[in-house]
Every structure is written in structure tokens, then in C-alpha cells.
C-alpha atoms as a PDB file:
ATOM      1  CA  MET A   1     109.362 108.294 122.180  1.00  0.00           C
ATOM      2  CA  LYS A   2     109.254 104.496 121.184  1.00  0.00           C
ATOM      3  CA  PHE A   3     111.861 102.828 119.447  1.00  0.00           C
ATOM      4  CA  GLU A   4     109.382 102.124 116.341  1.00  0.00           C
ATOM      5  CA  GLU A   5     108.797 106.039 116.153  1.00  0.00           C
ATOM      6  CA  THR A   6     112.467 106.932 115.373  1.00  0.00           C
ATOM      7  CA  LEU A   7     113.892 108.245 112.829  1.00  0.00           C
ATOM      8  CA  ALA A   8     115.823 105.442 112.282  1.00  0.00           C
ATOM      9  CA  ILE A   9     113.454 103.076 112.238  1.00  0.00           C
ATOM     10  CA  ARG A  10     111.079 105.027 110.402  1.00  0.00           C
ATOM     11  CA  LEU A  11     113.948 105.446 107.550  1.00  0.00           C
ATOM     12  CA  ARG A  12     114.511 101.776 107.701  1.00  0.00           C
ATOM     13  CA  ALA A  13     111.213 100.452 107.142  1.00  0.00           C
ATOM     14  CA  ALA A  14     110.696 102.951 104.123  1.00  0.00           C
ATOM     15  CA  TYR A  15     113.779 101.654 102.489  1.00  0.00           C
ATOM     16  CA  LEU A  16     112.999  97.831 103.345  1.00  0.00           C
ATOM     17  CA  HIS A  17     109.177  98.465 101.722  1.00  0.00           C
ATOM     18  CA  LEU A  18     110.699  99.906  98.999  1.00  0.00           C
ATOM     19  CA  HIS A  19     113.364  97.402  98.316  1.00  0.00           C
ATOM     20  CA  ARG A  20     110.971  94.473  98.844  1.00  0.00           C
ATOM     21  CA  SER A  21     108.281  95.867  96.836  1.00  0.00           C
ATOM     22  CA  ALA A  22     111.230  96.507  93.820  1.00  0.00           C
ATOM     23  CA  ASN A  23     112.257  93.217  94.343  1.00  0.00           C
ATOM     24  CA  ARG A  24     108.946  91.305  93.935  1.00  0.00           C
ATOM     25  CA  HIS A  25     108.089  93.786  90.608  1.00  0.00           C
ATOM     26  CA  PHE A  26     111.238  92.797  89.123  1.00  0.00           C
ATOM     27  CA  ARG A  27     111.105  89.000  89.695  1.00  0.00           C
ATOM     28  CA  ALA A  28     108.934  88.807  87.048  1.00  0.00           C
ATOM     29  CA  PHE A  29     111.846  90.156  84.772  1.00  0.00           C
ATOM     30  CA  ASP A  30     114.281  87.978  86.643  1.00  0.00           C
ATOM     31  CA  ALA A  31     115.917  91.152  87.798  1.00  0.00           C
ATOM     32  CA  THR A  32     116.327  92.781  90.996  1.00  0.00           C
ATOM     33  CA  ALA A  33     116.114  96.070  92.758  1.00  0.00           C
ATOM     34  CA  ASP A  34     119.925  96.429  92.960  1.00  0.00           C
ATOM     35  CA  GLN A  35     120.303  95.008  89.350  1.00  0.00           C
ATOM     36  CA  TYR A  36     117.927  97.651  88.216  1.00  0.00           C
ATOM     37  CA  ALA A  37     119.551 100.297  89.970  1.00  0.00           C
ATOM     38  CA  VAL A  38     123.246  99.110  88.346  1.00  0.00           C
ATOM     39  CA  MET A  39     121.806  99.154  85.047  1.00  0.00           C
ATOM     40  CA  THR A  40     119.835 102.366  85.347  1.00  0.00           C
ATOM     41  CA  CYS A  41     123.047 104.224  86.482  1.00  0.00           C
ATOM     42  CA  LEU A  42     125.048 102.952  83.913  1.00  0.00           C
ATOM     43  CA  ALA A  43     122.043 103.479  81.166  1.00  0.00           C
ATOM     44  CA  GLU A  44     122.915 107.373  82.376  1.00  0.00           C
ATOM     45  CA  GLN A  45     126.475 107.509  82.260  1.00  0.00           C
ATOM     46  CA  ALA A  46     128.425 104.583  80.063  1.00  0.00           C
ATOM     47  CA  GLY A  47     131.832 103.669  81.211  1.00  0.00           C
ATOM     48  CA  ILE A  48     131.707 104.762  84.616  1.00  0.00           C
ATOM     49  CA  THR A  49     134.019 102.722  86.708  1.00  0.00           C
ATOM     50  CA  GLN A  50     132.915  99.995  89.751  1.00  0.00           C
ATOM     51  CA  GLN A  51     134.573 102.245  91.932  1.00  0.00           C
ATOM     52  CA  THR A  52     132.349 105.340  90.642  1.00  0.00           C
ATOM     53  CA  LEU A  53     129.127 102.806  90.800  1.00  0.00           C
ATOM     54  CA  VAL A  54     129.668 101.750  94.543  1.00  0.00           C
ATOM     55  CA  ALA A  55     129.733 105.455  95.594  1.00  0.00           C
ATOM     56  CA  ARG A  56     126.774 106.675  93.387  1.00  0.00           C
ATOM     57  CA  LEU A  57     124.817 103.733  94.571  1.00  0.00           C
ATOM     58  CA  ALA A  58     125.908 103.862  98.156  1.00  0.00           C
ATOM     59  CA  SER A  59     127.136 100.236  97.923  1.00  0.00           C
ATOM     60  CA  ASP A  60     130.465  98.557  98.718  1.00  0.00           C
ATOM     61  CA  LYS A  61     133.081  96.617  96.561  1.00  0.00           C
ATOM     62  CA  ARG A  62     132.224  93.381  96.975  1.00  0.00           C
ATOM     63  CA  THR A  63     128.120  93.513  96.089  1.00  0.00           C
ATOM     64  CA  ILE A  64     128.963  95.803  93.144  1.00  0.00           C
ATOM     65  CA  ASN A  65     131.719  93.419  91.996  1.00  0.00           C
ATOM     66  CA  LYS A  66     129.135  90.587  92.317  1.00  0.00           C
ATOM     67  CA  MET A  67     126.280  92.196  90.730  1.00  0.00           C
ATOM     68  CA  ILE A  68     128.360  93.332  87.509  1.00  0.00           C
ATOM     69  CA  ASP A  69     129.473  89.276  87.687  1.00  0.00           C
ATOM     70  CA  LEU A  70     126.030  88.259  87.000  1.00  0.00           C
ATOM     71  CA  LEU A  71     124.986  91.089  84.777  1.00  0.00           C
ATOM     72  CA  GLU A  72     127.881  90.311  82.830  1.00  0.00           C
ATOM     73  CA  GLU A  73     127.038  86.506  82.778  1.00  0.00           C
ATOM     74  CA  LYS A  74     123.394  87.004  81.454  1.00  0.00           C
ATOM     75  CA  GLY A  75     124.993  89.263  78.565  1.00  0.00           C
ATOM     76  CA  LEU A  76     123.359  92.982  79.660  1.00  0.00           C
ATOM     77  CA  VAL A  77     126.991  94.704  80.947  1.00  0.00           C
ATOM     78  CA  GLU A  78     129.855  94.239  79.878  1.00  0.00           C
ATOM     79  CA  ARG A  79     133.707  95.451  81.200  1.00  0.00           C
ATOM     80  CA  ARG A  80     135.828  97.330  78.766  1.00  0.00           C
ATOM     81  CA  ALA A  81     139.484  98.499  79.295  1.00  0.00           C
ATOM     82  CA  HIS A  82     139.306 101.862  80.992  1.00  0.00           C
ATOM     83  CA  PRO A  83     140.766 104.536  78.270  1.00  0.00           C
ATOM     84  CA  SER A  84     142.779 106.193  80.885  1.00  0.00           C
ATOM     85  CA  ASP A  85     143.282 103.920  83.811  1.00  0.00           C
ATOM     86  CA  ARG A  86     144.864 100.277  83.062  1.00  0.00           C
ATOM     87  CA  ARG A  87     144.058  99.049  86.743  1.00  0.00           C
ATOM     88  CA  ALA A  88     139.971  99.985  86.261  1.00  0.00           C
ATOM     89  CA  TRP A  89     137.635  98.186  84.155  1.00  0.00           C
ATOM     90  CA  ALA A  90     134.619 100.894  82.191  1.00  0.00           C
ATOM     91  CA  LEU A  91     131.487  99.360  82.617  1.00  0.00           C
ATOM     92  CA  TYR A  92     129.109  99.546  79.489  1.00  0.00           C
ATOM     93  CA  LEU A  93     125.576  97.994  79.239  1.00  0.00           C
ATOM     94  CA  THR A  94     125.438  95.597  76.116  1.00  0.00           C
ATOM     95  CA  LYS A  95     122.437  96.128  73.543  1.00  0.00           C
ATOM     96  CA  GLU A  96     120.636  93.767  75.261  1.00  0.00           C
ATOM     97  CA  GLY A  97     121.348  95.533  78.671  1.00  0.00           C
ATOM     98  CA  ARG A  98     119.798  98.624  76.889  1.00  0.00           C
ATOM     99  CA  LYS A  99     116.859  96.933  75.803  1.00  0.00           C
ATOM    100  CA  GLN A 100     116.384  95.540  79.488  1.00  0.00           C
ATOM    101  CA  GLN A 101     116.638  98.393  81.368  1.00  0.00           C
ATOM    102  CA  LYS A 102     114.216 100.604  78.959  1.00  0.00           C
ATOM    103  CA  VAL A 103     111.916  97.635  80.193  1.00  0.00           C
ATOM    104  CA  LEU A 104     112.390  97.454  83.389  1.00  0.00           C
ATOM    105  CA  PHE A 105     112.569 101.760  83.763  1.00  0.00           C
ATOM    106  CA  ASP A 106     109.138 101.613  82.073  1.00  0.00           C
ATOM    107  CA  SER A 107     107.439  98.490  83.889  1.00  0.00           C
ATOM    108  CA  ALA A 108     108.354 100.424  87.616  1.00  0.00           C
ATOM    109  CA  ASP A 109     106.479 103.711  86.243  1.00  0.00           C
ATOM    110  CA  TYR A 110     103.889 102.908  89.105  1.00  0.00           C
ATOM    111  CA  LEU A 111     106.485 101.998  92.089  1.00  0.00           C
ATOM    112  CA  ARG A 112     107.723 105.629  91.078  1.00  0.00           C
ATOM    113  CA  ARG A 113     104.666 107.319  91.247  1.00  0.00           C
ATOM    114  CA  ARG A 114     103.667 105.308  94.528  1.00  0.00           C
ATOM    115  CA  LEU A 115     106.940 106.806  95.976  1.00  0.00           C
ATOM    116  CA  GLU A 116     106.231 110.537  94.411  1.00  0.00           C
ATOM    117  CA  GLU A 117     102.960 110.356  95.668  1.00  0.00           C
ATOM    118  CA  ALA A 118     104.495 109.804  99.657  1.00  0.00           C
ATOM    119  CA  VAL A 119     105.934 113.246  99.577  1.00  0.00           C
ATOM    120  CA  PRO A 120     104.203 116.448  98.427  1.00  0.00           C
ATOM    121  CA  PRO A 121     106.113 118.136  95.728  1.00  0.00           C
ATOM    122  CA  LYS A 122     106.132 121.172  97.562  1.00  0.00           C
ATOM    123  CA  HIS A 123     108.363 119.190 100.271  1.00  0.00           C
ATOM    124  CA  LEU A 124     109.970 117.048  97.979  1.00  0.00           C
ATOM    125  CA  GLU A 125     113.738 119.290  97.864  1.00  0.00           C
ATOM    126  CA  LYS A 126     113.853 119.444 101.632  1.00  0.00           C
ATOM    127  CA  MET A 127     113.259 115.782 101.928  1.00  0.00           C
ATOM    128  CA  LEU A 128     116.277 115.461  99.402  1.00  0.00           C
ATOM    129  CA  ASP A 129     118.122 117.712 101.557  1.00  0.00           C
ATOM    130  CA  CYS A 130     117.621 115.965 104.368  1.00  0.00           C
ATOM    131  CA  LEU A 131     118.244 112.416 103.242  1.00  0.00           C
ATOM    132  CA  GLN A 132     121.555 113.858 101.471  1.00  0.00           C
ATOM    133  CA  SER A 133     122.282 115.408 104.990  1.00  0.00           C
ATOM    134  CA  ILE A 134     121.698 111.689 106.746  1.00  0.00           C
ATOM    135  CA  SER A 135     123.740 109.687 104.201  1.00  0.00           C
ATOM    136  CA  GLU A 136     126.694 112.271 104.620  1.00  0.00           C
ATOM    137  CA  ARG A 137     126.415 112.501 108.366  1.00  0.00           C
ATOM    138  CA  LEU A 138     126.596 108.637 108.818  1.00  0.00           C
ATOM    139  CA  ASP A 139     128.985 107.712 106.000  1.00  0.00           C
ATOM    140  CA  PRO A 140     130.787 104.798 107.800  1.00  0.00           C
ATOM    141  CA  ASP A 141     134.181 105.629 106.275  1.00  0.00           C
ATOM    142  CA  GLU A 142     134.016 109.382 107.651  1.00  0.00           C
ATOM    143  CA  LEU A 143     132.802 107.778 111.113  1.00  0.00           C
ATOM    144  CA  ASP A 144     135.685 105.888 111.300  1.00  0.00           C
ATOM    145  CA  ARG A 145     137.801 108.926 110.400  1.00  0.00           C
ATOM    146  CA  ILE A 146     136.200 111.080 113.353  1.00  0.00           C
ATOM    147  CA  ILE A 147     136.360 108.065 115.785  1.00  0.00           C
ATOM    148  CA  ALA A 148     140.019 107.531 115.028  1.00  0.00           C
ATOM    149  CA  GLY A 149     140.745 111.036 115.390  1.00  0.00           C
ATOM    150  CA  LYS A 150     138.892 111.456 118.699  1.00  0.00           C
ATOM    151  CA  ALA A 151     141.418 107.864 119.695  1.00  0.00           C
ATOM    152  CA  ASP A 152     144.119 109.766 118.403  1.00  0.00           C
ATOM    153  CA  GLU A 153     143.285 112.947 120.568  1.00  0.00           C
ATOM    154  CA  LYS A 154     142.643 110.517 124.048  1.00  0.00           C
ATOM    155  CA  VAL A 155     146.243 109.121 123.366  1.00  0.00           C
ATOM    156  CA  LYS A 156     148.050 112.359 122.838  1.00  0.00           C
ATOM    157  CA  ALA A 157     146.338 113.560 126.247  1.00  0.00           C
END
């Protein structure tokens, strides 16, 4: 099998095409695909922490922090004191942020339909399960723990 035909490269190509197409689309709204993802996640559940956002979007702390800073500067997101954790911020869309998220969401209908048309409905659940499995098996923190455990085993042997 040629390298470009492997699962890893096909996943990479699919992700990059989706991401680049979304960025081109959202550019007209002075937004990015990543900003859209953050805003849509906050639209679905207001008041979550940055840590929760990192997990839900499979991102990293630094990227999410920079994105929240930018969206806050634009007046689209606000940080509020977390009701039960003094160390964390609760994140909310502002009134303008909710409007912008709806505009972005509605405008992206064509992209969502193109993506959904690529996977026949009868295969969608299996496809989602496979993607979840890949994500779990390749989680960097989990792989670090596995590798560290194997290194510990070699030291003991």
C-alpha cells in the first residue's frame, strides 16, 4: 500500500480539506473554523471552563486560551467567575457572540451538508464509532502513560 493510501494520510487529507474549506468560508465573516467551533460549543453549553472546552474540541490549553482571548477582544465571549471553582473561569457567549454564532452556523449549512453527503446514513454511526476509537487510541496523554509504563517495566526487568 502506498503511503498516500494509508488511513493516516486519508484522515489527514479529509481533516485539512474540511478545515481549509471552513476557514475560507468563515473568512467572509472575520472568523475562523476554530473560532466557530469554540463559539458553537459555548452556544450548546454556556458556562463551561476552558479545560472542558479543551477536552470537547480535542485541542490544547494554549490554543484555547489564545482563542478565548481573541474572541473576548472581539466582544463575542466573556469570562465570568466560576460558581464553584475559584481557580477557573466560566465561559459565555455575549449577546453579540450569540448573534455571530447563529450567523456562522446558518451560513455553514452547505459545508455540513457536503460533509454529511460523503458518508451514507447507514454508515454514519459506524463511522463516528471508528473516529471515536481512533481518537481514544491515539490520545497523546494516554500514549505517554503507556510508553512510560513500558519504560518502567524495562527498568524493573
